[in-house]
Amino acid sequence: YQVLVVYQVLVVYQVLVVYQVLVVYQVLVVYQVLVVHQVAVLDR
């Protein structure tokens, strides 16, 4: 029983970490696109 609980906690933790990394990655990509777009607009 305890092993199953530990396994479940590890799986949930891993999913949360992966989800957080994906969210941070997406935010960075969007931020980069916005910065590049702004720089391109300012260059004109």
N, C-alpha and C. Protein backbone atom coordinates (compact mmCIF):
# COMPACT_ATOMS: atom_id res chain seq x y z
N TYR A 1 0.85 -1.22 0.00
CA TYR A 1 0.00 0.00 0.00
C TYR A 1 0.87 1.25 0.00
N GLN A 2 1.87 1.24 0.89
CA GLN A 2 2.75 2.41 0.98
C GLN A 2 3.52 2.62 -0.33
N VAL A 3 3.95 1.52 -0.92
CA VAL A 3 4.71 1.62 -2.17
C VAL A 3 3.84 2.25 -3.25
N LEU A 4 2.58 1.87 -3.29
CA LEU A 4 1.66 2.43 -4.29
C LEU A 4 1.48 3.93 -4.07
N VAL A 5 1.36 4.33 -2.82
CA VAL A 5 1.20 5.75 -2.51
C VAL A 5 2.43 6.52 -2.94
N VAL A 6 3.60 6.01 -2.61
CA VAL A 6 4.86 6.67 -3.00
C VAL A 6 4.94 6.76 -4.51
N TYR A 7 4.59 5.68 -5.20
CA TYR A 7 4.62 5.66 -6.67
C TYR A 7 3.68 6.72 -7.24
N GLN A 8 2.48 6.80 -6.66
CA GLN A 8 1.50 7.78 -7.13
C GLN A 8 2.01 9.20 -6.92
N VAL A 9 2.59 9.44 -5.77
CA VAL A 9 3.13 10.77 -5.46
C VAL A 9 4.23 11.13 -6.46
N LEU A 10 5.10 10.17 -6.76
CA LEU A 10 6.18 10.43 -7.71
C LEU A 10 5.63 10.74 -9.09
N VAL A 11 4.61 9.98 -9.50
CA VAL A 11 4.02 10.21 -10.83
C VAL A 11 3.39 11.60 -10.87
N VAL A 12 2.62 11.94 -9.85
CA VAL A 12 1.97 13.26 -9.81
C VAL A 12 3.03 14.36 -9.81
N TYR A 13 4.09 14.18 -9.02
CA TYR A 13 5.16 15.18 -8.96
C TYR A 13 5.82 15.35 -10.33
N GLN A 14 6.08 14.22 -11.01
CA GLN A 14 6.71 14.28 -12.32
C GLN A 14 5.81 15.00 -13.32
N VAL A 15 4.52 14.69 -13.28
CA VAL A 15 3.57 15.34 -14.19
C VAL A 15 3.55 16.85 -13.92
N LEU A 16 3.55 17.24 -12.65
CA LEU A 16 3.54 18.66 -12.31
C LEU A 16 4.81 19.35 -12.80
N VAL A 17 5.95 18.70 -12.62
CA VAL A 17 7.22 19.28 -13.06
C VAL A 17 7.22 19.45 -14.58
N VAL A 18 6.79 18.41 -15.29
CA VAL A 18 6.76 18.48 -16.75
C VAL A 18 5.80 19.58 -17.19
N TYR A 19 4.63 19.65 -16.53
CA TYR A 19 3.65 20.68 -16.88
C TYR A 19 4.23 22.07 -16.66
N GLN A 20 4.91 22.26 -15.52
CA GLN A 20 5.50 23.55 -15.21
C GLN A 20 6.57 23.93 -16.23
N VAL A 21 7.40 22.95 -16.61
CA VAL A 21 8.45 23.21 -17.60
C VAL A 21 7.82 23.61 -18.93
N LEU A 22 6.74 22.91 -19.32
CA LEU A 22 6.08 23.24 -20.58
C LEU A 22 5.49 24.64 -20.53
N VAL A 23 4.88 24.99 -19.41
CA VAL A 23 4.29 26.33 -19.27
C VAL A 23 5.38 27.39 -19.35
N VAL A 24 6.47 27.19 -18.62
CA VAL A 24 7.57 28.16 -18.63
C VAL A 24 8.15 28.27 -20.04
N TYR A 25 8.32 27.13 -20.71
CA TYR A 25 8.86 27.12 -22.08
C TYR A 25 7.94 27.91 -23.01
N GLN A 26 6.63 27.67 -22.88
CA GLN A 26 5.67 28.37 -23.73
C GLN A 26 5.72 29.87 -23.47
N VAL A 27 5.79 30.26 -22.21
CA VAL A 27 5.85 31.67 -21.87
C VAL A 27 7.11 32.30 -22.46
N LEU A 28 8.24 31.59 -22.37
CA LEU A 28 9.49 32.12 -22.92
C LEU A 28 9.39 32.27 -24.43
N VAL A 29 8.78 31.29 -25.09
CA VAL A 29 8.64 31.36 -26.55
C VAL A 29 7.77 32.55 -26.93
N VAL A 30 6.64 32.71 -26.26
CA VAL A 30 5.74 33.83 -26.54
C VAL A 30 6.45 35.15 -26.29
N TYR A 31 7.19 35.22 -25.17
CA TYR A 31 7.93 36.45 -24.83
C TYR A 31 8.95 36.78 -25.92
N GLN A 32 9.67 35.74 -26.36
CA GLN A 32 10.69 35.94 -27.40
C GLN A 32 10.05 36.43 -28.69
N VAL A 33 8.93 35.82 -29.07
CA VAL A 33 8.23 36.22 -30.29
C VAL A 33 7.79 37.68 -30.17
N LEU A 34 7.27 38.06 -29.00
CA LEU A 34 6.83 39.44 -28.81
C LEU A 34 8.00 40.41 -28.90
N VAL A 35 9.13 40.04 -28.29
CA VAL A 35 10.31 40.90 -28.32
C VAL A 35 10.81 41.05 -29.75
N VAL A 36 10.90 39.94 -30.48
CA VAL A 36 11.36 39.99 -31.86
C VAL A 36 10.41 40.84 -32.69
N HIS A 37 9.12 40.67 -32.48
CA HIS A 37 8.12 41.44 -33.23
C HIS A 37 8.27 42.93 -32.94
N GLN A 38 8.47 43.25 -31.64
CA GLN A 38 8.63 44.65 -31.25
C GLN A 38 9.89 45.24 -31.87
N VAL A 39 10.97 44.49 -31.85
CA VAL A 39 12.24 44.96 -32.43
C VAL A 39 12.05 45.18 -33.93
N ALA A 40 11.36 44.26 -34.59
CA ALA A 40 11.13 44.39 -36.03
C ALA A 40 10.30 45.64 -36.32
N VAL A 41 9.30 45.88 -35.49
CA VAL A 41 8.45 47.07 -35.69
C VAL A 41 9.27 48.33 -35.45
N LEU A 42 10.12 48.31 -34.42
CA LEU A 42 10.93 49.49 -34.11
C LEU A 42 11.96 49.74 -35.21
N ASP A 43 12.46 48.68 -35.82
CA ASP A 43 13.45 48.83 -36.89
C ASP A 43 12.86 49.56 -38.09
N ARG A 44 11.57 49.32 -38.32
CA ARG A 44 10.93 50.03 -39.42
C ARG A 44 10.73 51.49 -39.02
